[in-house]
Amino acid sequence: MRVLVVEDQAELADSVGRMLRREGMAVDVVYDGEQALERTGSVGYDVVVLDRDIPVVHGDDVCRRLSARRDPVRVLMLTASGTVADRVEGLNLGADDYLPKPFAYAELIARVRAMGRRSQPAVPPVLRHDDLCLDPAQRVATRGGVRLPLTPKEFAVLEHLLAARPRAVSTEELLEQVWDEAADPFTTTVKATINRLRAKLGEPPLIQTVPRSGYQI
């Protein structure tokens, strides 16, 4: 899942970004509305976590413009005001969900995950292939009934490959959907992660390299 966090309080923005990355999401962080519009114009995000009161371009205007573009991205609006009138106004601007501050990180994670599922083609709640089972909600992957000790990035790559079956997934797609803007497209980070995954998945091998196409389960 690719997420953009838009929040002018840098400490909070960076904290939310770190927390979502720990959940295996690819997260970019910006601090004003102008940057948000630039990023959403060039990157296909699944969810935008948007603070309402941000500088340069107000959060309301960002939300309106995203809605006017008919952009498929889902918007979770954050605000310091949690009155019913404010929630209704935010939803009428085009937001898909509304979360007042202060919020619990667990609730924010759950809402972002739910919105991300709605922004993507429907997939089963539990992904299976042969003796491999992956539960995105519980963040658990097993093979032959044995839990796999996957890092968040390894889990996210495996989830993306399983959800895409039987289609092959390119390195570029994995970089866009699993990593964030800090990822260098010229590094071997995807190949290295795939190699670690193969080692942890064991035998017989599940991840195949498809020449000129990428990787496939």
Protein backbone atom coordinates (compact mmCIF):
# COMPACT_ATOMS: atom_id res chain seq x y z
CA MET A 1 0.00 0.00 0.00
CA ARG A 2 1.36 3.45 -0.94
CA VAL A 3 0.45 6.20 1.55
CA LEU A 4 1.06 9.96 1.60
CA VAL A 5 1.05 11.69 5.01
CA VAL A 6 0.32 15.44 4.85
CA GLU A 7 0.84 17.16 8.19
CA ASP A 8 2.56 20.46 9.03
CA GLN A 9 3.61 19.38 12.52
CA ALA A 10 6.84 17.71 11.46
CA GLU A 11 7.27 15.61 14.60
CA LEU A 12 3.76 14.18 14.30
CA ALA A 13 4.07 13.68 10.54
CA ASP A 14 7.36 11.81 10.84
CA SER A 15 6.01 9.73 13.73
CA VAL A 16 2.95 8.67 11.70
CA GLY A 17 5.21 7.89 8.74
CA ARG A 18 7.48 5.65 10.85
CA MET A 19 4.50 3.89 12.39
CA LEU A 20 2.90 3.12 9.02
CA ARG A 21 6.23 1.92 7.59
CA ARG A 22 6.52 -0.54 10.47
CA GLU A 23 3.23 -1.96 9.23
CA GLY A 24 4.82 -2.65 5.83
CA MET A 25 3.40 0.34 3.97
CA ALA A 26 5.33 2.54 1.53
CA VAL A 27 5.02 6.02 3.02
CA ASP A 28 5.97 9.51 1.81
CA VAL A 29 5.64 12.55 4.10
CA VAL A 30 5.06 16.21 3.14
CA TYR A 31 4.32 19.24 5.28
CA ASP A 32 2.04 21.51 3.23
CA GLY A 33 -0.81 21.37 0.74
CA GLU A 34 1.19 22.47 -2.27
CA GLN A 35 3.61 19.57 -1.83
CA ALA A 36 0.64 17.24 -1.39
CA LEU A 37 -0.88 18.26 -4.73
CA GLU A 38 2.49 17.89 -6.47
CA ARG A 39 3.03 14.39 -5.10
CA THR A 40 -0.48 13.15 -5.79
CA GLY A 41 -0.18 14.46 -9.34
CA SER A 42 2.82 12.25 -10.05
CA VAL A 43 2.51 9.23 -7.72
CA GLY A 44 -0.35 6.74 -7.55
CA TYR A 45 -1.15 6.70 -3.83
CA ASP A 46 -3.76 4.39 -2.33
CA VAL A 47 -4.42 6.57 0.73
CA VAL A 48 -3.68 10.18 1.70
CA VAL A 49 -3.66 10.95 5.42
CA LEU A 50 -4.48 14.66 5.23
CA ASP A 51 -4.40 17.15 8.08
CA ARG A 52 -7.12 19.71 7.50
CA ASP A 53 -5.29 22.80 8.77
CA ILE A 54 -2.09 22.86 6.70
CA PRO A 55 -0.23 25.84 5.16
CA VAL A 56 0.24 27.10 1.58
CA VAL A 57 -2.79 25.21 0.24
CA HIS A 58 -5.40 24.46 2.91
CA GLY A 59 -6.38 20.84 3.48
CA ASP A 60 -9.95 21.60 2.40
CA ASP A 61 -8.69 22.79 -0.99
CA VAL A 62 -6.41 19.77 -1.36
CA CYS A 63 -9.36 17.48 -0.69
CA ARG A 64 -11.58 19.38 -3.16
CA ARG A 65 -8.95 19.19 -5.90
CA LEU A 66 -8.35 15.48 -5.40
CA SER A 67 -12.09 14.91 -5.60
CA ALA A 68 -12.38 17.11 -8.72
CA ARG A 69 -9.63 15.10 -10.42
CA ARG A 70 -11.67 11.96 -9.79
CA ASP A 71 -8.46 10.61 -8.36
CA PRO A 72 -8.98 7.04 -7.07
CA VAL A 73 -6.93 7.82 -3.94
CA ARG A 74 -8.78 7.56 -0.61
CA VAL A 75 -8.52 10.52 1.78
CA LEU A 76 -8.43 10.19 5.57
CA MET A 77 -8.83 13.71 6.95
CA LEU A 78 -7.32 14.62 10.32
CA THR A 79 -8.42 17.62 12.37
CA ALA A 80 -8.15 19.07 15.84
CA SER A 81 -11.92 19.62 15.83
CA GLY A 82 -14.12 16.59 16.25
CA THR A 83 -17.62 18.09 16.21
CA VAL A 84 -20.33 16.46 14.13
CA ALA A 85 -20.57 19.58 11.95
CA ASP A 86 -16.84 19.47 11.18
CA ARG A 87 -16.96 15.75 10.37
CA VAL A 88 -19.90 16.27 8.03
CA GLU A 89 -18.17 19.22 6.34
CA GLY A 90 -14.99 17.18 5.84
CA LEU A 91 -16.89 14.29 4.28
CA ASN A 92 -18.80 16.69 2.02
CA LEU A 93 -15.47 18.03 0.74
CA GLY A 94 -14.73 14.57 -0.62
CA ALA A 95 -12.91 12.89 2.26
CA ASP A 96 -13.56 9.16 2.63
CA ASP A 97 -13.04 9.10 6.39
CA TYR A 98 -12.46 11.57 9.21
CA LEU A 99 -10.37 11.16 12.37
CA PRO A 100 -10.20 13.82 15.11
CA LYS A 101 -6.99 14.58 17.01
CA PRO A 102 -5.69 13.30 19.32
CA PHE A 103 -6.04 9.81 17.87
CA ALA A 104 -4.81 6.36 18.79
CA TYR A 105 -2.20 5.00 16.39
CA ALA A 106 -3.93 1.61 16.38
CA GLU A 107 -7.13 3.23 15.11
CA LEU A 108 -5.27 5.22 12.46
CA ILE A 109 -3.56 2.05 11.20
CA ALA A 110 -6.88 0.18 11.07
CA ARG A 111 -8.59 3.00 9.15
CA VAL A 112 -5.73 3.34 6.65
CA ARG A 113 -5.73 -0.42 6.05
CA ALA A 114 -9.51 -0.48 5.53
CA MET A 115 -9.31 2.43 3.08
CA GLY A 116 -6.41 0.83 1.24
CA ARG A 117 -8.43 -2.34 0.73
CA ARG A 118 -11.28 -0.29 -0.74
CA SER A 119 -8.91 1.48 -3.16
CA GLN A 120 -7.58 -1.77 -4.63
CA PRO A 121 -9.16 -4.72 -6.45
CA ALA A 122 -10.83 -7.09 -4.03
CA VAL A 123 -8.60 -9.85 -2.71
CA PRO A 124 -9.41 -12.66 -0.26
CA PRO A 125 -8.97 -11.76 3.44
CA VAL A 126 -6.38 -14.56 3.66
CA LEU A 127 -4.04 -15.22 0.73
CA ARG A 128 -3.10 -18.85 0.04
CA HIS A 129 -0.96 -20.78 -2.42
CA ASP A 130 -0.20 -24.46 -1.87
CA ASP A 131 1.01 -24.67 1.75
CA LEU A 132 1.70 -20.92 2.00
CA CYS A 133 -0.81 -18.81 3.94
CA LEU A 134 -0.65 -15.04 4.49
CA ASP A 135 -3.05 -13.10 6.71
CA PRO A 136 -2.67 -9.34 6.00
CA ALA A 137 -4.86 -8.28 8.94
CA GLN A 138 -2.89 -10.27 11.52
CA ARG A 139 0.44 -9.70 9.74
CA VAL A 140 1.19 -13.42 9.87
CA ALA A 141 2.60 -15.66 7.14
CA THR A 142 3.04 -19.42 7.48
CA ARG A 143 4.27 -22.24 5.30
CA GLY A 144 3.38 -25.79 6.16
CA GLY A 145 1.86 -24.45 9.37
CA VAL A 146 5.17 -22.90 10.49
CA ARG A 147 5.25 -19.13 11.04
CA LEU A 148 7.74 -17.29 8.82
CA PRO A 149 9.99 -14.66 10.48
CA LEU A 150 9.47 -11.95 7.88
CA THR A 151 10.48 -8.30 8.11
CA PRO A 152 7.78 -5.72 7.22
CA LYS A 153 9.27 -5.22 3.73
CA GLU A 154 9.51 -8.99 3.11
CA PHE A 155 5.91 -9.41 4.23
CA ALA A 156 4.75 -6.57 1.97
CA VAL A 157 6.57 -8.01 -1.07
CA LEU A 158 5.12 -11.46 -0.44
CA GLU A 159 1.63 -10.00 0.01
CA HIS A 160 1.91 -8.08 -3.27
CA LEU A 161 3.14 -11.14 -5.18
CA LEU A 162 0.34 -13.32 -3.79
CA ALA A 163 -2.35 -10.73 -4.50
CA ALA A 164 -1.10 -10.37 -8.10
CA ARG A 165 -1.10 -14.11 -8.87
CA PRO A 166 -0.74 -15.40 -11.55
CA ARG A 167 0.55 -12.14 -13.01
CA ALA A 168 4.28 -11.40 -12.87
CA VAL A 169 5.21 -8.26 -10.92
CA SER A 170 7.99 -6.01 -12.19
CA THR A 171 10.79 -4.57 -10.08
CA GLU A 172 9.44 -1.09 -10.86
CA GLU A 173 5.98 -2.00 -9.55
CA LEU A 174 7.43 -3.42 -6.33
CA LEU A 175 9.50 -0.27 -5.80
CA GLU A 176 6.43 1.92 -6.29
CA GLN A 177 4.03 -0.11 -4.15
CA VAL A 178 6.24 -1.43 -1.36
CA TRP A 179 9.03 1.13 -0.98
CA ASP A 180 8.78 4.92 -0.84
CA GLU A 181 10.39 7.89 -2.57
CA ALA A 182 13.67 7.28 -0.73
CA ALA A 183 14.22 4.02 -2.62
CA ASP A 184 16.92 4.22 -5.28
CA PRO A 185 15.60 2.56 -8.49
CA PHE A 186 19.17 1.68 -9.49
CA THR A 187 19.96 -0.35 -6.37
CA THR A 188 19.51 -4.10 -5.90
CA THR A 189 17.17 -3.65 -2.93
CA VAL A 190 14.27 -5.54 -4.58
CA LYS A 191 16.50 -8.41 -5.69
CA ALA A 192 18.06 -8.65 -2.22
CA THR A 193 14.62 -8.73 -0.57
CA ILE A 194 13.41 -11.42 -2.99
CA ASN A 195 16.51 -13.51 -2.24
CA ARG A 196 15.89 -13.27 1.52
CA LEU A 197 12.25 -14.21 0.98
CA ARG A 198 13.22 -17.26 -1.06
CA ALA A 199 15.55 -18.40 1.69
CA LYS A 200 12.89 -18.00 4.38
CA LEU A 201 10.18 -19.69 2.28
CA GLY A 202 12.37 -22.75 1.83
CA GLU A 203 11.80 -25.66 -0.55
CA PRO A 204 10.28 -26.24 -2.99
CA PRO A 205 10.83 -22.69 -4.32
CA LEU A 206 7.71 -20.54 -4.72
CA ILE A 207 8.99 -17.28 -6.22
CA GLN A 208 10.01 -17.55 -9.86
CA THR A 209 11.98 -15.01 -11.90
CA VAL A 210 10.20 -14.25 -15.18
CA PRO A 211 12.68 -12.87 -17.75
CA ARG A 212 11.92 -9.23 -18.73
CA SER A 213 8.76 -9.31 -16.57
CA GLY A 214 9.80 -9.58 -12.92
CA TYR A 215 8.76 -12.04 -10.25
CA GLN A 216 5.83 -14.44 -9.95
CA ILE A 217 4.33 -16.91 -7.51
